Structure formats: structure tokens, C-alpha cells
Amino acid sequence: MPLHAWPVLVYEDLAPMVAYVNRLVQVAGKYTLDEPFEVGWGNIVLDVTPRGLRTPTLRKLDVTFTVHYRLLDGDVVIETDSGSRTVPLSDGSLASFYASFCSAVGELGIHRPGSSLICEIPDAPATFGEDRVERHWDREAAWLIWTALNLAAAGLEAWQAPFQGHRPRVGVMWGGFDLSATRYRAQPTVPPAHGPAFQQNAQVEAYVSVGFSFGSPESPNVGMYAYIWPQPDGLEARSWRVDGAAWHPDAGLVLLPWAALRETADPHQAIVTFGDAVYDAAVETAGWPSDLVGPRCDGWYMSRTPPFLVHAQHL
């Protein structure tokens, strides 16, 4: 699909499938918690691939493996150094998928995930095995989910590229099922005392986050979001440089609806512009260093122009 062809996304149409996929990816997502912890949970994100979502390479004592949720194919491929197994994605419950998944990984010498708790989904049963709601696998909705994540990831990766500080790779946070691009500075902060553990761990340092979300029942807004932690004063009257982007004080978020984004002349560039506006707000209202952002350069030009490369290193 051409990157300029941005589809219409309607929350009500996608919500059932988003809820299903959110539950499914948490199963293999649990393995990423065994990886060395990165501030802000940068270790856990799932990569957006040409076919779906995939864990990073996971290295256990006896096996090295990845888990690939191939949304466009309707299956999950577990690939190891000694073989692979495929688990179909179809109509059924999370409990039945979890049982099939655990059986498949067991055949490959992989232990089942260390936790079966369902995270960050209000009103969900406590564990995978208890979620017996029968769900429908909607291939068209799966394609739209992947397409939205793929297009948004391209824009967020372009935005992240020149940042010279700590920045985990762009990927899907499988708990809340949002696509995240985060920039950190070495400034310790104090998380809210009563927040959930995942939030407190994420807020041990200052950061700027720009991402994409499919929305929620309380806020059915499909599109880009951004926020600055700790939240500074002075965001109310700022321009976010893309038509339709606005500060929502009740949510503590800058939101750019997908419908507004796809109406811009260049949605890909609009994501970059939106992210730059948010970072500039952090510089101007929260004292973030402007010199952490280097020049945006074409890679081929850089590789063929040594004098420019030397100059860029001194910017």
C-alpha cells in the first residue's frame, strides 16, 4: 500500500478487533519483561513488521526465539534456533489461544510466559485463562490496524532519527496497545505515589512522548497523541503547527486526530512537524536542551559527502 494512501479509521468499527489484538499480544509480550530493563520500559515494545507485530529477539539459557503476530496472515509464528511453530488466529477466546500458544512453545523448549495477568485493560478478567469471551477475527480490521501502525511508525521513526539522547526504538507498548516514540533526558523525577507500577517505572526520568493510539471507550479518539513529563505550565496557548492538533488539559495530552492528519497535504511530514512542535514546547517551557536534536540528513547524501559528514559531527 502506498504510504500516501491513508485509510479512514472509525473507532467503533475497529474497537472489537483492537480489544482482541491487545489481549493476544500481551501473551508473548510478557516474555519481554525478562529482558534487561530500559528506563520507561523501552525493552518491551513490539516492532511493527511488514506483516504485523513482533517481539525483539529473546535469548533464554537454552533457546533464542521471537514471536511474530502476523496480522495480515491471521497467525502467530514462534521462531527459534531449532525450529518453529505456527498458531492460527481465528474466532475464539483468549483462553483458548493461550492454551494453544503454551502448547506450541512447550514443543520448542520454551517455558510459558512468566505471568498470565491481563494488564491495563479495564474490566478484563484477571488472567488469560479466565478470558473466555468468544471473539471474531476480522481480517479487514486486522489490515486496518496494521496499516495505521505502519504509517504512524514511519512518521515517528523519521521524527526520532535526529535525536541524540536516549530514545528506545519506536514500537507498540503491548499493555495499552499504543505506538510510542519517546525521548529521555538525564533528569531524575518523582513519579506519583499512587500510580500503577508500570507508570511509576516509566516516570523515573523526564521524557517527551509522541505516539499513536486507537482510542478508548472513555476517549474514542483515533490518532496521534503527545505529552511532556513532568507536565510544564504554558501549554494552553501554544501552536502545534498541524491543523487539528490541540491541547486537551483534562487528559494532559496534545491530540492530533487521524481524520485531521489524513487531510493534510503530507501526513507523514505532518507527524514529524507535530513531534517537533511538542519537543520545542519542552525546550521552551520545561528547559529541555535544544542541542540534543541534530540535523535531519538524507543517509545516501551523508554517506557520499564526507565534508558534510565531518561538519554534521560538530553541529
C-alpha atoms as a PDB file:
ATOM      1  CA  MET A   1       0.000   0.000   0.000  1.00  0.00           C
ATOM      2  CA  PRO A   2       1.488   3.422  -0.939  1.00  0.00           C
ATOM      3  CA  LEU A   3       2.467   5.486   2.079  1.00  0.00           C
ATOM      4  CA  HIS A   4       0.353   8.398   0.839  1.00  0.00           C
ATOM      5  CA  ALA A   5      -2.874   6.342   0.913  1.00  0.00           C
ATOM      6  CA  TRP A   6      -4.093   6.888   4.468  1.00  0.00           C
ATOM      7  CA  PRO A   7      -7.333   4.987   5.155  1.00  0.00           C
ATOM      8  CA  VAL A   8     -10.361   6.175   7.101  1.00  0.00           C
ATOM      9  CA  LEU A   9     -10.312   4.825  10.672  1.00  0.00           C
ATOM     10  CA  VAL A  10     -13.521   4.708  12.718  1.00  0.00           C
ATOM     11  CA  TYR A  11     -13.161   3.876  16.414  1.00  0.00           C
ATOM     12  CA  GLU A  12     -16.452   1.978  16.693  1.00  0.00           C
ATOM     13  CA  ASP A  13     -15.581  -0.223  13.712  1.00  0.00           C
ATOM     14  CA  LEU A  14     -12.103  -1.092  14.950  1.00  0.00           C
ATOM     15  CA  ALA A  15     -12.703  -1.300  18.714  1.00  0.00           C
ATOM     16  CA  PRO A  16     -13.705  -5.009  18.915  1.00  0.00           C
ATOM     17  CA  MET A  17     -10.663  -6.125  16.935  1.00  0.00           C
ATOM     18  CA  VAL A  18      -8.325  -3.756  18.748  1.00  0.00           C
ATOM     19  CA  ALA A  19      -9.545  -5.206  22.050  1.00  0.00           C
ATOM     20  CA  TYR A  20      -8.868  -8.741  20.773  1.00  0.00           C
ATOM     21  CA  VAL A  21      -5.393  -7.998  19.398  1.00  0.00           C
ATOM     22  CA  ASN A  22      -4.473  -6.063  22.553  1.00  0.00           C
ATOM     23  CA  ARG A  23      -5.174  -9.200  24.584  1.00  0.00           C
ATOM     24  CA  LEU A  24      -3.379 -11.513  22.165  1.00  0.00           C
ATOM     25  CA  VAL A  25      -0.114  -9.548  22.033  1.00  0.00           C
ATOM     26  CA  GLN A  26       0.098  -9.428  25.815  1.00  0.00           C
ATOM     27  CA  VAL A  27       0.703 -13.185  25.840  1.00  0.00           C
ATOM     28  CA  ALA A  28       4.096 -13.095  24.090  1.00  0.00           C
ATOM     29  CA  GLY A  29       4.676  -9.559  25.318  1.00  0.00           C
ATOM     30  CA  LYS A  30       5.203 -10.989  28.807  1.00  0.00           C
ATOM     31  CA  TYR A  31       8.490 -12.536  27.654  1.00  0.00           C
ATOM     32  CA  THR A  32       9.949  -9.061  27.103  1.00  0.00           C
ATOM     33  CA  LEU A  33       9.709  -8.410  30.847  1.00  0.00           C
ATOM     34  CA  ASP A  34      12.563 -10.900  31.264  1.00  0.00           C
ATOM     35  CA  GLU A  35      14.856  -8.655  29.195  1.00  0.00           C
ATOM     36  CA  PRO A  36      17.254  -6.102  30.773  1.00  0.00           C
ATOM     37  CA  PHE A  37      15.073  -3.192  31.872  1.00  0.00           C
ATOM     38  CA  GLU A  38      15.317   0.118  29.992  1.00  0.00           C
ATOM     39  CA  VAL A  39      14.003   3.278  31.598  1.00  0.00           C
ATOM     40  CA  GLY A  40      10.416   3.842  30.506  1.00  0.00           C
ATOM     41  CA  TRP A  41      10.001   0.162  29.525  1.00  0.00           C
ATOM     42  CA  GLY A  42      11.862   0.679  26.260  1.00  0.00           C
ATOM     43  CA  ASN A  43      12.733  -3.027  26.357  1.00  0.00           C
ATOM     44  CA  ILE A  44       9.173  -4.244  25.917  1.00  0.00           C
ATOM     45  CA  VAL A  45       7.979  -2.648  22.684  1.00  0.00           C
ATOM     46  CA  LEU A  46       6.838  -4.784  19.774  1.00  0.00           C
ATOM     47  CA  ASP A  47       8.232  -3.945  16.337  1.00  0.00           C
ATOM     48  CA  VAL A  48       5.857  -3.074  13.504  1.00  0.00           C
ATOM     49  CA  THR A  49       6.852  -5.503  10.736  1.00  0.00           C
ATOM     50  CA  PRO A  50       5.789  -5.919   7.093  1.00  0.00           C
ATOM     51  CA  ARG A  51       3.145  -8.425   8.278  1.00  0.00           C
ATOM     52  CA  GLY A  52       2.236  -7.466  11.835  1.00  0.00           C
ATOM     53  CA  LEU A  53       3.898  -7.111  15.252  1.00  0.00           C
ATOM     54  CA  ARG A  54       6.923  -8.949  16.596  1.00  0.00           C
ATOM     55  CA  THR A  55       8.826  -9.237  19.858  1.00  0.00           C
ATOM     56  CA  PRO A  56      12.525  -8.428  19.916  1.00  0.00           C
ATOM     57  CA  THR A  57      14.840 -11.416  19.787  1.00  0.00           C
ATOM     58  CA  LEU A  58      14.561 -13.124  23.171  1.00  0.00           C
ATOM     59  CA  ARG A  59      17.537 -15.065  24.493  1.00  0.00           C
ATOM     60  CA  LYS A  60      16.976 -17.665  27.180  1.00  0.00           C
ATOM     61  CA  LEU A  61      19.510 -20.103  28.585  1.00  0.00           C
ATOM     62  CA  ASP A  62      18.642 -22.891  26.150  1.00  0.00           C
ATOM     63  CA  VAL A  63      16.760 -21.172  23.310  1.00  0.00           C
ATOM     64  CA  THR A  64      16.742 -17.982  21.253  1.00  0.00           C
ATOM     65  CA  PHE A  65      13.387 -17.026  19.788  1.00  0.00           C
ATOM     66  CA  THR A  66      10.977 -14.403  18.517  1.00  0.00           C
ATOM     67  CA  VAL A  67       7.174 -14.328  18.408  1.00  0.00           C
ATOM     68  CA  HIS A  68       5.602 -12.754  15.336  1.00  0.00           C
ATOM     69  CA  TYR A  69       1.921 -11.811  15.353  1.00  0.00           C
ATOM     70  CA  ARG A  70       1.268 -11.817  11.605  1.00  0.00           C
ATOM     71  CA  LEU A  71      -1.910  -9.765  11.498  1.00  0.00           C
ATOM     72  CA  LEU A  72      -2.069  -9.864   7.713  1.00  0.00           C
ATOM     73  CA  ASP A  73      -1.845 -13.669   7.684  1.00  0.00           C
ATOM     74  CA  GLY A  74      -4.011 -14.443  10.698  1.00  0.00           C
ATOM     75  CA  ASP A  75      -1.414 -16.450  12.609  1.00  0.00           C
ATOM     76  CA  VAL A  76       1.409 -16.298  15.151  1.00  0.00           C
ATOM     77  CA  VAL A  77       4.826 -17.680  14.213  1.00  0.00           C
ATOM     78  CA  ILE A  78       7.162 -18.724  17.020  1.00  0.00           C
ATOM     79  CA  GLU A  79      10.653 -18.999  15.534  1.00  0.00           C
ATOM     80  CA  THR A  80      13.634 -20.434  17.399  1.00  0.00           C
ATOM     81  CA  ASP A  81      17.188 -21.507  16.671  1.00  0.00           C
ATOM     82  CA  SER A  82      15.961 -25.103  16.495  1.00  0.00           C
ATOM     83  CA  GLY A  83      12.606 -24.843  14.711  1.00  0.00           C
ATOM     84  CA  SER A  84       9.305 -23.004  14.544  1.00  0.00           C
ATOM     85  CA  ARG A  85       5.616 -23.431  15.249  1.00  0.00           C
ATOM     86  CA  THR A  86       2.562 -21.596  13.911  1.00  0.00           C
ATOM     87  CA  VAL A  87      -0.577 -20.897  15.936  1.00  0.00           C
ATOM     88  CA  PRO A  88      -3.628 -19.721  13.961  1.00  0.00           C
ATOM     89  CA  LEU A  89      -5.503 -16.554  14.857  1.00  0.00           C
ATOM     90  CA  SER A  90      -9.205 -17.111  14.375  1.00  0.00           C
ATOM     91  CA  ASP A  91     -12.561 -16.842  16.096  1.00  0.00           C
ATOM     92  CA  GLY A  92     -12.327 -17.935  19.711  1.00  0.00           C
ATOM     93  CA  SER A  93     -11.396 -16.834  23.188  1.00  0.00           C
ATOM     94  CA  LEU A  94      -8.165 -15.516  24.635  1.00  0.00           C
ATOM     95  CA  ALA A  95      -8.167 -18.539  26.940  1.00  0.00           C
ATOM     96  CA  SER A  96      -8.163 -20.969  24.005  1.00  0.00           C
ATOM     97  CA  PHE A  97      -5.394 -19.035  22.237  1.00  0.00           C
ATOM     98  CA  TYR A  98      -3.298 -19.019  25.397  1.00  0.00           C
ATOM     99  CA  ALA A  99      -3.636 -22.776  25.748  1.00  0.00           C
ATOM    100  CA  SER A 100      -2.604 -23.317  22.108  1.00  0.00           C
ATOM    101  CA  PHE A 101       0.294 -20.889  22.461  1.00  0.00           C
ATOM    102  CA  CYS A 102       1.640 -22.557  25.599  1.00  0.00           C
ATOM    103  CA  SER A 103       1.446 -25.947  23.909  1.00  0.00           C
ATOM    104  CA  ALA A 104       3.361 -24.666  20.868  1.00  0.00           C
ATOM    105  CA  VAL A 105       6.158 -23.004  22.829  1.00  0.00           C
ATOM    106  CA  GLY A 106       6.460 -26.076  25.033  1.00  0.00           C
ATOM    107  CA  GLU A 107       7.212 -28.170  21.939  1.00  0.00           C
ATOM    108  CA  LEU A 108      10.094 -25.785  21.202  1.00  0.00           C
ATOM    109  CA  GLY A 109      11.574 -25.979  24.680  1.00  0.00           C
ATOM    110  CA  ILE A 110      10.297 -22.553  25.748  1.00  0.00           C
ATOM    111  CA  HIS A 111       8.625 -22.079  29.103  1.00  0.00           C
ATOM    112  CA  ARG A 112       5.187 -20.476  29.125  1.00  0.00           C
ATOM    113  CA  PRO A 113       5.213 -16.727  29.903  1.00  0.00           C
ATOM    114  CA  GLY A 114       6.153 -15.888  33.470  1.00  0.00           C
ATOM    115  CA  SER A 115       2.819 -14.184  34.100  1.00  0.00           C
ATOM    116  CA  SER A 116      -0.675 -14.692  32.754  1.00  0.00           C
ATOM    117  CA  LEU A 117      -2.102 -11.449  34.170  1.00  0.00           C
ATOM    118  CA  ILE A 118      -4.020  -9.182  31.775  1.00  0.00           C
ATOM    119  CA  CYS A 119      -2.624  -5.664  32.110  1.00  0.00           C
ATOM    120  CA  GLU A 120      -4.013  -2.161  31.510  1.00  0.00           C
ATOM    121  CA  ILE A 121      -7.405  -3.336  30.191  1.00  0.00           C
ATOM    122  CA  PRO A 122     -10.221  -2.105  32.441  1.00  0.00           C
ATOM    123  CA  ASP A 123     -12.857  -4.684  33.411  1.00  0.00           C
ATOM    124  CA  ALA A 124     -10.909  -7.572  31.846  1.00  0.00           C
ATOM    125  CA  PRO A 125     -10.655 -10.885  33.714  1.00  0.00           C
ATOM    126  CA  ALA A 126      -7.553 -11.227  35.847  1.00  0.00           C
ATOM    127  CA  THR A 127      -5.725 -13.784  33.684  1.00  0.00           C
ATOM    128  CA  PHE A 128      -5.520 -15.056  30.120  1.00  0.00           C
ATOM    129  CA  GLY A 129      -7.053 -18.363  31.102  1.00  0.00           C
ATOM    130  CA  GLU A 130     -10.108 -16.661  32.594  1.00  0.00           C
ATOM    131  CA  ASP A 131     -10.918 -14.601  29.487  1.00  0.00           C
ATOM    132  CA  ARG A 132     -13.382 -16.950  27.769  1.00  0.00           C
ATOM    133  CA  VAL A 133     -15.309 -14.345  25.758  1.00  0.00           C
ATOM    134  CA  GLU A 134     -15.726 -15.611  22.190  1.00  0.00           C
ATOM    135  CA  ARG A 135     -14.235 -13.078  19.770  1.00  0.00           C
ATOM    136  CA  HIS A 136     -14.362 -12.679  15.997  1.00  0.00           C
ATOM    137  CA  TRP A 137     -11.193 -12.456  13.891  1.00  0.00           C
ATOM    138  CA  ASP A 138     -11.894  -9.668  11.392  1.00  0.00           C
ATOM    139  CA  ARG A 139      -9.323  -9.754   8.574  1.00  0.00           C
ATOM    140  CA  GLU A 140     -10.257  -6.334   7.206  1.00  0.00           C
ATOM    141  CA  ALA A 141      -9.964  -4.726  10.641  1.00  0.00           C
ATOM    142  CA  ALA A 142      -6.640  -6.518  11.182  1.00  0.00           C
ATOM    143  CA  TRP A 143      -5.378  -4.999   7.938  1.00  0.00           C
ATOM    144  CA  LEU A 144      -6.517  -1.517   9.013  1.00  0.00           C
ATOM    145  CA  ILE A 145      -4.840  -1.926  12.417  1.00  0.00           C
ATOM    146  CA  TRP A 146      -1.544  -2.905  10.790  1.00  0.00           C
ATOM    147  CA  THR A 147      -1.819  -0.169   8.165  1.00  0.00           C
ATOM    148  CA  ALA A 148      -2.375   2.556  10.755  1.00  0.00           C
ATOM    149  CA  LEU A 149       0.514   1.334  12.909  1.00  0.00           C
ATOM    150  CA  ASN A 150       2.795   1.039   9.883  1.00  0.00           C
ATOM    151  CA  LEU A 151       2.062   4.548   8.606  1.00  0.00           C
ATOM    152  CA  ALA A 152       2.332   6.127  12.043  1.00  0.00           C
ATOM    153  CA  ALA A 153       5.573   4.245  12.773  1.00  0.00           C
ATOM    154  CA  ALA A 154       7.179   5.619   9.605  1.00  0.00           C
ATOM    155  CA  GLY A 155       6.412   9.173  10.688  1.00  0.00           C
ATOM    156  CA  LEU A 156       7.556   8.616  14.274  1.00  0.00           C
ATOM    157  CA  GLU A 157      10.813   6.978  13.161  1.00  0.00           C
ATOM    158  CA  ALA A 158      11.536   9.999  10.962  1.00  0.00           C
ATOM    159  CA  TRP A 159      10.830  12.289  13.911  1.00  0.00           C
ATOM    160  CA  GLN A 160      13.101  10.316  16.235  1.00  0.00           C
ATOM    161  CA  ALA A 161      16.048   9.984  13.858  1.00  0.00           C
ATOM    162  CA  PRO A 162      17.983  13.181  14.705  1.00  0.00           C
ATOM    163  CA  PHE A 163      17.586  12.932  18.488  1.00  0.00           C
ATOM    164  CA  GLN A 164      20.965  12.311  20.101  1.00  0.00           C
ATOM    165  CA  GLY A 165      19.801  11.430  23.602  1.00  0.00           C
ATOM    166  CA  HIS A 166      18.356   8.181  24.923  1.00  0.00           C
ATOM    167  CA  ARG A 167      15.482   7.022  22.722  1.00  0.00           C
ATOM    168  CA  PRO A 168      14.113   3.474  22.777  1.00  0.00           C
ATOM    169  CA  ARG A 169      13.075   2.157  19.402  1.00  0.00           C
ATOM    170  CA  VAL A 170       9.635   3.078  18.086  1.00  0.00           C
ATOM    171  CA  GLY A 171       7.201   0.279  18.845  1.00  0.00           C
ATOM    172  CA  VAL A 172       3.922  -0.877  20.333  1.00  0.00           C
ATOM    173  CA  MET A 173       3.555  -0.843  24.105  1.00  0.00           C
ATOM    174  CA  TRP A 174       1.580  -4.059  24.412  1.00  0.00           C
ATOM    175  CA  GLY A 175      -0.109  -3.138  27.709  1.00  0.00           C
ATOM    176  CA  GLY A 176      -2.095  -0.158  26.490  1.00  0.00           C
ATOM    177  CA  PHE A 177      -1.620  -1.059  22.797  1.00  0.00           C
ATOM    178  CA  ASP A 178      -0.301   2.337  21.735  1.00  0.00           C
ATOM    179  CA  LEU A 179       2.574   3.044  19.361  1.00  0.00           C
ATOM    180  CA  SER A 180       5.217   5.016  21.222  1.00  0.00           C
ATOM    181  CA  ALA A 181       8.221   7.201  20.383  1.00  0.00           C
ATOM    182  CA  THR A 182       9.907   8.604  23.487  1.00  0.00           C
ATOM    183  CA  ARG A 183      12.836  10.925  24.131  1.00  0.00           C
ATOM    184  CA  TYR A 184      14.570  10.990  27.527  1.00  0.00           C
ATOM    185  CA  ARG A 185      16.870  13.408  29.317  1.00  0.00           C
ATOM    186  CA  ALA A 186      19.079  12.545  32.286  1.00  0.00           C
ATOM    187  CA  GLN A 187      16.900  14.310  34.842  1.00  0.00           C
ATOM    188  CA  PRO A 188      15.503  12.194  37.696  1.00  0.00           C
ATOM    189  CA  THR A 189      11.850  12.860  38.524  1.00  0.00           C
ATOM    190  CA  VAL A 190       9.439  11.727  41.225  1.00  0.00           C
ATOM    191  CA  PRO A 191       6.538   9.567  39.973  1.00  0.00           C
ATOM    192  CA  PRO A 192       3.078   9.987  41.508  1.00  0.00           C
ATOM    193  CA  ALA A 193       2.945   7.920  44.698  1.00  0.00           C
ATOM    194  CA  HIS A 194      -0.262   6.047  43.908  1.00  0.00           C
ATOM    195  CA  GLY A 195       0.196   5.292  40.196  1.00  0.00           C
ATOM    196  CA  PRO A 196       0.435   1.726  38.855  1.00  0.00           C
ATOM    197  CA  ALA A 197       3.869   0.098  38.847  1.00  0.00           C
ATOM    198  CA  PHE A 198       4.343   0.372  35.079  1.00  0.00           C
ATOM    199  CA  GLN A 199       3.638   4.111  35.229  1.00  0.00           C
ATOM    200  CA  GLN A 200       5.946   4.717  38.174  1.00  0.00           C
ATOM    201  CA  ASN A 201       8.777   2.883  36.431  1.00  0.00           C
ATOM    202  CA  ALA A 202       8.173   4.939  33.289  1.00  0.00           C
ATOM    203  CA  GLN A 203       8.339   8.215  35.169  1.00  0.00           C
ATOM    204  CA  VAL A 204      11.693   7.923  36.921  1.00  0.00           C
ATOM    205  CA  GLU A 205      13.181  10.365  34.401  1.00  0.00           C
ATOM    206  CA  ALA A 206      11.881  13.305  32.387  1.00  0.00           C
ATOM    207  CA  TYR A 207      10.673  12.451  28.893  1.00  0.00           C
ATOM    208  CA  VAL A 208       8.746  13.630  25.864  1.00  0.00           C
ATOM    209  CA  SER A 209       6.380  11.076  24.327  1.00  0.00           C
ATOM    210  CA  VAL A 210       4.729  11.184  20.909  1.00  0.00           C
ATOM    211  CA  GLY A 211       2.634   8.276  19.727  1.00  0.00           C
ATOM    212  CA  PHE A 212      -0.439   6.827  18.096  1.00  0.00           C
ATOM    213  CA  SER A 213      -3.499   5.314  19.781  1.00  0.00           C
ATOM    214  CA  PHE A 214      -6.706   3.632  18.626  1.00  0.00           C
ATOM    215  CA  GLY A 215      -8.598   5.395  21.438  1.00  0.00           C
ATOM    216  CA  SER A 216     -10.675   4.009  24.293  1.00  0.00           C
ATOM    217  CA  PRO A 217     -14.353   3.889  25.313  1.00  0.00           C
ATOM    218  CA  GLU A 218     -13.772   6.952  27.510  1.00  0.00           C
ATOM    219  CA  SER A 219     -11.870   8.804  24.772  1.00  0.00           C
ATOM    220  CA  PRO A 220     -12.682   7.363  21.334  1.00  0.00           C
ATOM    221  CA  ASN A 221     -10.046   9.437  19.560  1.00  0.00           C
ATOM    222  CA  VAL A 222      -8.061   7.562  16.924  1.00  0.00           C
ATOM    223  CA  GLY A 223      -4.888   9.464  16.136  1.00  0.00           C
ATOM    224  CA  MET A 224      -1.632  10.920  17.376  1.00  0.00           C
ATOM    225  CA  TYR A 225      -1.030  11.986  20.965  1.00  0.00           C
ATOM    226  CA  ALA A 226       1.835  13.675  22.821  1.00  0.00           C
ATOM    227  CA  TYR A 227       2.749  14.797  26.313  1.00  0.00           C
ATOM    228  CA  ILE A 228       5.682  16.075  28.353  1.00  0.00           C
ATOM    229  CA  TRP A 229       6.632  14.555  31.702  1.00  0.00           C
ATOM    230  CA  PRO A 230       6.693  16.282  34.131  1.00  0.00           C
ATOM    231  CA  GLN A 231       3.924  18.392  32.634  1.00  0.00           C
ATOM    232  CA  PRO A 232       5.051  22.038  32.422  1.00  0.00           C
ATOM    233  CA  ASP A 233       2.912  25.147  32.580  1.00  0.00           C
ATOM    234  CA  GLY A 234       2.282  27.228  29.493  1.00  0.00           C
ATOM    235  CA  LEU A 235       0.968  24.629  27.030  1.00  0.00           C
ATOM    236  CA  GLU A 236      -2.530  26.094  26.674  1.00  0.00           C
ATOM    237  CA  ALA A 237      -1.798  28.841  24.147  1.00  0.00           C
ATOM    238  CA  ARG A 238       0.816  27.077  22.021  1.00  0.00           C
ATOM    239  CA  SER A 239       0.554  26.268  18.334  1.00  0.00           C
ATOM    240  CA  TRP A 240       1.169  22.628  17.464  1.00  0.00           C
ATOM    241  CA  ARG A 241       1.780  23.501  13.775  1.00  0.00           C
ATOM    242  CA  VAL A 242      -0.649  20.995  12.252  1.00  0.00           C
ATOM    243  CA  ASP A 243      -4.285  21.866  11.593  1.00  0.00           C
ATOM    244  CA  GLY A 244      -6.493  19.978  14.029  1.00  0.00           C
ATOM    245  CA  ALA A 245      -3.838  19.446  16.710  1.00  0.00           C
ATOM    246  CA  ALA A 246      -4.904  20.826  20.084  1.00  0.00           C
ATOM    247  CA  TRP A 247      -4.038  20.730  23.792  1.00  0.00           C
ATOM    248  CA  HIS A 248      -6.565  18.838  25.956  1.00  0.00           C
ATOM    249  CA  PRO A 249      -5.908  19.885  29.554  1.00  0.00           C
ATOM    250  CA  ASP A 250      -8.260  17.335  31.146  1.00  0.00           C
ATOM    251  CA  ALA A 251      -6.292  14.492  29.567  1.00  0.00           C
ATOM    252  CA  GLY A 252      -2.906  16.213  29.782  1.00  0.00           C
ATOM    253  CA  LEU A 253      -2.377  15.416  26.100  1.00  0.00           C
ATOM    254  CA  VAL A 254      -1.863  17.131  22.794  1.00  0.00           C
ATOM    255  CA  LEU A 255      -4.099  15.285  20.325  1.00  0.00           C
ATOM    256  CA  LEU A 256      -3.980  15.198  16.535  1.00  0.00           C
ATOM    257  CA  PRO A 257      -7.000  13.231  15.261  1.00  0.00           C
ATOM    258  CA  TRP A 258      -6.387  10.760  12.445  1.00  0.00           C
ATOM    259  CA  ALA A 259      -9.169  12.385  10.418  1.00  0.00           C
ATOM    260  CA  ALA A 260      -7.326  15.718  10.558  1.00  0.00           C
ATOM    261  CA  LEU A 261      -3.950  14.101   9.899  1.00  0.00           C
ATOM    262  CA  ARG A 262      -5.072  12.346   6.715  1.00  0.00           C
ATOM    263  CA  GLU A 263      -6.456  15.628   5.368  1.00  0.00           C
ATOM    264  CA  THR A 264      -3.037  17.298   5.453  1.00  0.00           C
ATOM    265  CA  ALA A 265      -1.046  17.593   2.239  1.00  0.00           C
ATOM    266  CA  ASP A 266       1.611  15.196   3.577  1.00  0.00           C
ATOM    267  CA  PRO A 267       0.512  13.154   6.645  1.00  0.00           C
ATOM    268  CA  HIS A 268       3.962  11.603   7.049  1.00  0.00           C
ATOM    269  CA  GLN A 269       5.600  15.017   7.289  1.00  0.00           C
ATOM    270  CA  ALA A 270       2.752  16.263   9.476  1.00  0.00           C
ATOM    271  CA  ILE A 271       3.696  13.678  12.128  1.00  0.00           C
ATOM    272  CA  VAL A 272       7.285  14.959  12.076  1.00  0.00           C
ATOM    273  CA  THR A 273       6.084  18.568  12.304  1.00  0.00           C
ATOM    274  CA  PHE A 274       3.749  17.675  15.179  1.00  0.00           C
ATOM    275  CA  GLY A 275       6.554  15.920  17.071  1.00  0.00           C
ATOM    276  CA  ASP A 276       8.931  18.831  16.525  1.00  0.00           C
ATOM    277  CA  ALA A 277       6.321  21.254  17.889  1.00  0.00           C
ATOM    278  CA  VAL A 278       5.975  19.130  21.027  1.00  0.00           C
ATOM    279  CA  TYR A 279       9.730  18.960  21.555  1.00  0.00           C
ATOM    280  CA  ASP A 280      10.043  22.713  21.018  1.00  0.00           C
ATOM    281  CA  ALA A 281       7.384  23.143  23.704  1.00  0.00           C
ATOM    282  CA  ALA A 282       9.536  21.058  26.056  1.00  0.00           C
ATOM    283  CA  VAL A 283      12.554  23.240  25.268  1.00  0.00           C
ATOM    284  CA  GLU A 284      10.667  26.487  25.802  1.00  0.00           C
ATOM    285  CA  THR A 285       8.500  25.563  28.805  1.00  0.00           C
ATOM    286  CA  ALA A 286      10.473  22.848  30.618  1.00  0.00           C
ATOM    287  CA  GLY A 287      14.109  23.703  29.937  1.00  0.00           C
ATOM    288  CA  TRP A 288      14.885  20.782  27.641  1.00  0.00           C
ATOM    289  CA  PRO A 289      18.203  21.185  25.764  1.00  0.00           C
ATOM    290  CA  SER A 290      17.784  22.217  22.137  1.00  0.00           C
ATOM    291  CA  ASP A 291      21.202  20.819  21.191  1.00  0.00           C
ATOM    292  CA  LEU A 292      20.051  17.203  21.666  1.00  0.00           C
ATOM    293  CA  VAL A 293      18.434  17.385  18.214  1.00  0.00           C
ATOM    294  CA  GLY A 294      20.855  17.173  15.303  1.00  0.00           C
ATOM    295  CA  PRO A 295      20.248  17.881  11.613  1.00  0.00           C
ATOM    296  CA  ARG A 296      17.908  15.757   9.514  1.00  0.00           C
ATOM    297  CA  CYS A 297      20.018  14.433   6.661  1.00  0.00           C
ATOM    298  CA  ASP A 298      19.468  12.037   3.793  1.00  0.00           C
ATOM    299  CA  GLY A 299      21.514   8.921   4.506  1.00  0.00           C
ATOM    300  CA  TRP A 300      22.791   8.488   0.952  1.00  0.00           C
ATOM    301  CA  TYR A 301      23.877  12.112   0.777  1.00  0.00           C
ATOM    302  CA  MET A 302      25.664  11.801   4.089  1.00  0.00           C
ATOM    303  CA  SER A 303      27.464   8.613   3.009  1.00  0.00           C
ATOM    304  CA  ARG A 304      28.706  10.217  -0.233  1.00  0.00           C
ATOM    305  CA  THR A 305      29.671  13.629   1.147  1.00  0.00           C
ATOM    306  CA  PRO A 306      32.491  13.256   3.709  1.00  0.00           C
ATOM    307  CA  PRO A 307      32.968  17.014   4.304  1.00  0.00           C
ATOM    308  CA  PHE A 308      29.303  17.335   5.209  1.00  0.00           C
ATOM    309  CA  LEU A 309      29.601  14.321   7.490  1.00  0.00           C
ATOM    310  CA  VAL A 310      32.521  15.894   9.335  1.00  0.00           C
ATOM    311  CA  HIS A 311      30.642  19.192   9.608  1.00  0.00           C
ATOM    312  CA  ALA A 312      27.496  17.492  10.939  1.00  0.00           C
ATOM    313  CA  GLN A 313      29.505  15.857  13.708  1.00  0.00           C
ATOM    314  CA  HIS A 314      30.388  19.293  15.031  1.00  0.00           C
ATOM    315  CA  LEU A 315      26.877  20.762  14.969  1.00  0.00           C
END
